[in-house]
Amino acid sequence: MKQNQTAILLIISIIAISFAAIFVKWSDAPATILSMNRMYLACLLLVPIVWIKRKEFKKIGRKEALAFVLSGACLAAHFALWFSSLKLTTVASSTIILSIQPIVAMIGGFLIYRERASKAVIVTIGISIIGVVMVGWGDFGLQTPSVLIGDLLSFLCVIAVVGYLLIGQSNVKKVSHWIYSFCVFLSAAVWLNVYNLVTGVPIRGYDFNEWKIFLLLAIFPTVAHVIFNMLLNFVNSTTISMSVLGEPVGATLLAVWLLGEKLSPLQIVGGAIALLGVLMFLIRQNSEYRVVEENQREVR
């Protein structure tokens, strides 16, 4: 796939996923119910394509099935934690904290694949962490402990989604991204369903307006995840994680426009620092990739 095609798909994903936080804010349903119904409805929407490609299910062995189940568990945890975060904190804080996802992906790459980071990259991590702390401190100024808990949940959801991407990076190539997405979405829905049953979260009794939000979540933000799964055939999980940098900007602007949320000066500065750190990280990574490519060309 050409770089410009990848860029266009990532831009579409950023726009689509930016609406997720707004839809969650509009809903009164529990976070795990929002997540569960989103995944079930997304699976239903994928059924026509999955039916056409149903022969690919024969390619899924025991190892792949286990990977899909684990990937679904990570995705379920990501949605449950993030949606819970949005119930407690602002869209700006929750989504800006998500901007450290590329950094967490890099750490995950080191722990799993032993990919080492340079000192310059480590410095950018420190800069981003400072920005995230400032965002959280801005919420501390609101004197609401639950808001700080929301920020923590947002950070934990980053770890979960990176796990989901890292698993997908090595398993999505076994089948088409359509079949992979369907299997992982269904796994996530089942995990969330079990959680709701065990913890006694009401599964029924949600009105038509709530179901409209469930459907909106299943259509728009989930498109981004399908695209991400497709792009994992061509790029690594860190590159996918980089694309979420546009989400804090998009979601925050939508929240100011549609929800009337306001940003404190400290949060604006902290968010800018966090994004600056990640931008420096991206520039550094890009330069390192170019050096590797040039070295490979010289060897050839």
Protein backbone atom coordinates (compact mmCIF):
# COMPACT_ATOMS: atom_id res chain seq x y z
CA MET A 1 0.00 0.00 0.00
CA LYS A 2 1.33 3.47 -0.93
CA GLN A 3 2.13 6.02 1.78
CA ASN A 4 -0.49 8.50 0.56
CA GLN A 5 -3.19 5.82 0.71
CA THR A 6 -2.15 4.93 4.24
CA ALA A 7 -2.25 8.60 5.22
CA ILE A 8 -5.76 9.06 3.80
CA LEU A 9 -7.04 6.00 5.66
CA LEU A 10 -5.47 7.21 8.90
CA ILE A 11 -7.09 10.64 8.48
CA ILE A 12 -10.48 9.00 7.96
CA SER A 13 -9.85 6.91 11.08
CA ILE A 14 -8.96 9.97 13.16
CA ILE A 15 -12.16 11.77 12.13
CA ALA A 16 -14.29 8.71 12.80
CA ILE A 17 -12.76 7.86 16.17
CA SER A 18 -12.95 11.46 17.40
CA PHE A 19 -16.74 11.10 17.66
CA ALA A 20 -16.52 8.20 20.14
CA ALA A 21 -16.03 10.42 23.19
CA ILE A 22 -18.99 12.61 22.20
CA PHE A 23 -21.32 9.63 21.79
CA VAL A 24 -20.28 8.26 25.19
CA LYS A 25 -20.94 11.61 26.83
CA TRP A 26 -24.44 11.65 25.31
CA SER A 27 -25.29 8.28 26.85
CA ASP A 28 -26.50 7.47 30.36
CA ALA A 29 -25.83 3.74 29.96
CA PRO A 30 -23.03 2.06 31.96
CA ALA A 31 -19.65 1.99 30.22
CA THR A 32 -19.60 -1.79 29.87
CA ILE A 33 -23.08 -1.78 28.33
CA LEU A 34 -22.03 0.85 25.80
CA SER A 35 -18.96 -1.21 24.94
CA MET A 36 -20.80 -4.53 24.74
CA ASN A 37 -23.63 -3.34 22.51
CA ARG A 38 -21.20 -1.43 20.31
CA MET A 39 -19.27 -4.63 19.65
CA TYR A 40 -22.34 -6.81 19.07
CA LEU A 41 -23.82 -4.29 16.63
CA ALA A 42 -20.46 -3.92 14.86
CA CYS A 43 -20.39 -7.70 14.38
CA LEU A 44 -23.89 -7.60 12.88
CA LEU A 45 -22.82 -4.90 10.45
CA LEU A 46 -19.86 -7.05 9.37
CA VAL A 47 -21.96 -10.20 8.80
CA PRO A 48 -22.57 -9.66 5.03
CA ILE A 49 -18.84 -9.34 4.30
CA VAL A 50 -17.93 -12.11 6.73
CA TRP A 51 -20.43 -14.42 5.01
CA ILE A 52 -18.70 -13.82 1.67
CA LYS A 53 -15.33 -14.60 3.21
CA ARG A 54 -16.56 -17.42 5.48
CA LYS A 55 -14.12 -19.96 3.98
CA GLU A 56 -11.29 -18.10 5.73
CA PHE A 57 -12.50 -19.43 9.09
CA LYS A 58 -10.84 -22.72 8.12
CA LYS A 59 -7.46 -20.97 8.35
CA ILE A 60 -7.97 -20.26 12.04
CA GLY A 61 -6.18 -22.83 14.17
CA ARG A 62 -6.07 -23.22 17.93
CA LYS A 63 -3.18 -20.78 18.28
CA GLU A 64 -4.87 -18.11 16.19
CA ALA A 65 -8.19 -18.58 18.01
CA LEU A 66 -6.46 -18.05 21.36
CA ALA A 67 -4.79 -14.91 20.03
CA PHE A 68 -8.16 -13.57 18.81
CA VAL A 69 -9.72 -14.24 22.22
CA LEU A 70 -6.87 -12.47 24.02
CA SER A 71 -6.99 -9.58 21.56
CA GLY A 72 -10.73 -9.28 22.19
CA ALA A 73 -10.12 -9.24 25.94
CA CYS A 74 -7.68 -6.34 25.52
CA LEU A 75 -10.13 -4.46 23.30
CA ALA A 76 -12.94 -5.06 25.79
CA ALA A 77 -10.78 -3.73 28.62
CA HIS A 78 -9.83 -0.71 26.51
CA PHE A 79 -13.44 0.24 25.80
CA ALA A 80 -14.66 -0.44 29.34
CA LEU A 81 -11.84 1.59 30.91
CA TRP A 82 -12.03 4.47 28.46
CA PHE A 83 -15.82 4.77 28.51
CA SER A 84 -15.67 4.68 32.32
CA SER A 85 -13.05 7.42 32.16
CA LEU A 86 -15.30 9.60 30.04
CA LYS A 87 -18.04 9.26 32.65
CA LEU A 88 -15.72 10.77 35.26
CA THR A 89 -13.43 13.25 33.52
CA THR A 90 -13.55 15.69 30.61
CA VAL A 91 -13.18 14.71 26.98
CA ALA A 92 -10.05 16.84 26.77
CA SER A 93 -8.28 15.13 29.67
CA SER A 94 -9.30 11.63 28.67
CA THR A 95 -8.32 11.94 25.02
CA ILE A 96 -5.13 13.92 25.59
CA ILE A 97 -3.90 11.18 27.92
CA LEU A 98 -4.53 8.78 25.02
CA SER A 99 -1.84 10.68 23.12
CA ILE A 100 0.85 8.74 24.99
CA GLN A 101 -0.28 5.57 23.22
CA PRO A 102 2.68 5.59 20.75
CA ILE A 103 5.06 5.73 23.69
CA VAL A 104 3.37 2.83 25.44
CA ALA A 105 3.46 0.94 22.14
CA MET A 106 7.19 1.52 21.95
CA ILE A 107 7.65 0.19 25.48
CA GLY A 108 5.52 -2.82 24.59
CA GLY A 109 7.65 -3.38 21.51
CA PHE A 110 10.75 -3.44 23.70
CA LEU A 111 9.27 -5.86 26.24
CA ILE A 112 7.94 -8.25 23.58
CA TYR A 113 10.31 -7.82 20.63
CA ARG A 114 13.34 -6.34 22.43
CA GLU A 115 13.25 -3.19 20.29
CA ARG A 116 15.58 -0.66 21.92
CA ALA A 117 14.98 3.08 22.17
CA SER A 118 17.61 5.81 21.85
CA LYS A 119 18.26 8.42 24.54
CA ALA A 120 16.55 11.05 22.40
CA VAL A 121 13.38 8.96 22.30
CA ILE A 122 13.49 8.49 26.07
CA VAL A 123 13.69 12.28 26.46
CA THR A 124 10.52 12.68 24.39
CA ILE A 125 8.81 10.18 26.67
CA GLY A 126 9.72 12.36 29.66
CA ILE A 127 8.36 15.47 27.96
CA SER A 128 5.05 13.75 27.21
CA ILE A 129 4.74 12.49 30.77
CA ILE A 130 5.23 16.04 32.07
CA GLY A 131 2.39 17.19 29.82
CA VAL A 132 0.10 14.39 30.99
CA VAL A 133 0.83 15.26 34.63
CA MET A 134 -0.14 18.87 33.89
CA VAL A 135 -3.41 17.72 32.36
CA GLY A 136 -4.15 15.65 35.44
CA TRP A 137 -3.15 18.54 37.70
CA GLY A 138 -5.62 20.72 35.83
CA ASP A 139 -8.32 18.27 36.79
CA PHE A 140 -7.02 18.26 40.36
CA GLY A 141 -7.85 21.93 40.41
CA LEU A 142 -11.48 20.95 39.95
CA GLN A 143 -11.29 19.38 43.45
CA THR A 144 -13.15 16.29 42.30
CA PRO A 145 -11.40 13.01 43.19
CA SER A 146 -13.52 11.10 40.67
CA VAL A 147 -12.00 13.20 37.87
CA LEU A 148 -8.52 12.02 38.80
CA ILE A 149 -9.78 8.44 38.79
CA GLY A 150 -11.08 9.11 35.28
CA ASP A 151 -7.62 10.23 34.20
CA LEU A 152 -6.10 7.05 35.66
CA LEU A 153 -8.64 4.87 33.85
CA SER A 154 -7.78 6.66 30.62
CA PHE A 155 -4.11 5.79 31.12
CA LEU A 156 -4.94 2.14 31.83
CA CYS A 157 -7.07 1.94 28.68
CA VAL A 158 -4.00 2.98 26.68
CA ILE A 159 -2.13 -0.07 27.97
CA ALA A 160 -5.07 -2.28 27.01
CA VAL A 161 -5.36 -0.95 23.45
CA VAL A 162 -1.62 -1.29 22.87
CA GLY A 163 -1.90 -4.93 23.91
CA TYR A 164 -4.73 -5.31 21.40
CA LEU A 165 -2.61 -3.81 18.62
CA LEU A 166 0.52 -5.78 19.48
CA ILE A 167 -1.40 -9.05 19.35
CA GLY A 168 -3.06 -8.01 16.10
CA GLN A 169 0.25 -7.07 14.50
CA SER A 170 1.38 -10.70 14.42
CA ASN A 171 -2.00 -12.35 13.85
CA VAL A 172 -4.05 -10.21 11.46
CA LYS A 173 -2.09 -11.56 8.50
CA LYS A 174 -3.46 -15.08 9.11
CA VAL A 175 -6.87 -14.06 7.71
CA SER A 176 -8.39 -10.99 6.06
CA HIS A 177 -8.84 -7.93 8.26
CA TRP A 178 -12.61 -8.41 7.94
CA ILE A 179 -12.56 -11.86 9.52
CA TYR A 180 -10.01 -10.75 12.10
CA SER A 181 -12.11 -7.72 13.07
CA PHE A 182 -15.26 -9.81 13.33
CA CYS A 183 -13.60 -12.42 15.55
CA VAL A 184 -11.98 -9.85 17.83
CA PHE A 185 -15.13 -7.72 18.09
CA LEU A 186 -17.20 -10.80 18.92
CA SER A 187 -14.63 -11.88 21.51
CA ALA A 188 -14.71 -8.41 23.09
CA ALA A 189 -18.52 -8.44 23.17
CA VAL A 190 -18.60 -11.83 24.89
CA TRP A 191 -16.00 -10.77 27.47
CA LEU A 192 -18.05 -7.65 28.26
CA ASN A 193 -21.27 -9.66 28.34
CA VAL A 194 -19.82 -12.07 30.88
CA TYR A 195 -18.57 -9.15 32.98
CA ASN A 196 -22.01 -7.52 32.95
CA LEU A 197 -23.70 -10.76 33.97
CA VAL A 198 -21.24 -11.51 36.77
CA THR A 199 -21.31 -7.99 38.21
CA GLY A 200 -25.07 -7.57 37.82
CA VAL A 201 -25.01 -4.67 35.37
CA PRO A 202 -28.50 -4.43 33.81
CA ILE A 203 -28.34 -5.70 30.23
CA ARG A 204 -31.91 -4.81 29.26
CA GLY A 205 -34.17 -1.81 29.68
CA TYR A 206 -32.40 0.82 27.58
CA ASP A 207 -34.58 3.19 25.56
CA PHE A 208 -34.52 4.00 21.86
CA ASN A 209 -32.22 7.01 22.30
CA GLU A 210 -29.61 4.82 23.99
CA TRP A 211 -29.81 2.28 21.18
CA LYS A 212 -29.24 5.06 18.67
CA ILE A 213 -26.02 5.90 20.51
CA PHE A 214 -25.05 2.21 20.57
CA LEU A 215 -25.52 2.13 16.79
CA LEU A 216 -23.58 5.35 16.24
CA LEU A 217 -20.69 3.88 18.20
CA ALA A 218 -20.90 0.68 16.17
CA ILE A 219 -20.75 2.57 12.87
CA PHE A 220 -18.46 5.58 13.09
CA PRO A 221 -15.67 4.97 15.64
CA THR A 222 -15.61 1.25 14.87
CA VAL A 223 -14.79 2.04 11.23
CA ALA A 224 -11.47 3.30 12.56
CA HIS A 225 -10.72 -0.03 14.22
CA VAL A 226 -11.50 -1.95 11.03
CA ILE A 227 -9.13 0.35 9.13
CA PHE A 228 -6.48 -0.08 11.82
CA ASN A 229 -6.75 -3.86 11.51
CA MET A 230 -6.36 -3.60 7.75
CA LEU A 231 -3.31 -1.33 8.02
CA LEU A 232 -1.62 -3.78 10.41
CA ASN A 233 -0.93 -5.80 7.26
CA PHE A 234 1.36 -2.98 6.08
CA VAL A 235 2.58 -1.07 9.16
CA ASN A 236 3.39 -1.89 12.79
CA SER A 237 1.36 -1.17 15.92
CA THR A 238 3.46 1.89 16.81
CA THR A 239 2.55 3.53 13.51
CA ILE A 240 -1.14 2.87 14.16
CA SER A 241 -0.76 4.26 17.66
CA MET A 242 0.76 7.42 16.19
CA SER A 243 -2.46 8.17 14.34
CA VAL A 244 -4.38 8.62 17.59
CA LEU A 245 -2.51 11.87 18.12
CA GLY A 246 -5.17 13.57 16.05
CA GLU A 247 -7.96 12.24 18.27
CA PRO A 248 -7.36 14.55 21.26
CA VAL A 249 -7.55 17.57 18.97
CA GLY A 250 -10.64 16.37 17.13
CA ALA A 251 -12.46 15.12 20.20
CA THR A 252 -11.67 18.22 22.24
CA LEU A 253 -12.90 20.56 19.51
CA LEU A 254 -16.08 18.51 19.18
CA ALA A 255 -16.55 18.58 22.96
CA VAL A 256 -16.19 22.36 23.10
CA TRP A 257 -18.65 22.69 20.22
CA LEU A 258 -21.22 19.99 21.06
CA LEU A 259 -20.89 19.61 24.84
CA GLY A 260 -19.87 23.10 25.89
CA GLU A 261 -16.81 21.84 27.77
CA LYS A 262 -14.12 24.33 28.73
CA LEU A 263 -10.37 23.97 29.04
CA SER A 264 -8.26 25.49 31.81
CA PRO A 265 -5.04 27.26 30.75
CA LEU A 266 -3.00 24.59 32.55
CA GLN A 267 -4.73 21.81 30.63
CA ILE A 268 -4.17 23.60 27.32
CA VAL A 269 -0.45 24.01 28.05
CA GLY A 270 -0.17 20.46 29.39
CA GLY A 271 -1.90 19.03 26.36
CA ALA A 272 0.34 21.01 24.04
CA ILE A 273 3.45 19.74 25.86
CA ALA A 274 2.20 16.15 25.73
CA LEU A 275 1.53 16.40 22.01
CA LEU A 276 4.87 18.16 21.45
CA GLY A 277 6.67 15.30 23.15
CA VAL A 278 4.92 12.72 21.03
CA LEU A 279 5.57 14.78 17.88
CA MET A 280 9.26 14.81 18.71
CA PHE A 281 9.03 11.07 19.20
CA LEU A 282 7.47 10.61 15.77
CA ILE A 283 10.11 12.76 14.07
CA ARG A 284 12.87 10.82 15.78
CA GLN A 285 11.35 7.47 14.88
CA ASN A 286 10.90 8.55 11.26
CA SER A 287 14.55 9.60 11.00
CA GLU A 288 15.66 6.28 12.48
CA TYR A 289 13.51 4.35 9.99
CA ARG A 290 15.11 6.29 7.13
CA VAL A 291 18.59 5.40 8.36
CA VAL A 292 17.63 1.73 8.50
CA GLU A 293 16.21 1.85 4.97
CA GLU A 294 19.36 3.55 3.63
CA ASN A 295 21.55 0.92 5.29
CA GLN A 296 19.47 -1.85 3.77
CA ARG A 297 19.80 -0.27 0.31
CA GLU A 298 23.59 -0.07 0.69
CA VAL A 299 23.73 -3.76 1.63
CA ARG A 300 21.73 -4.66 -1.45
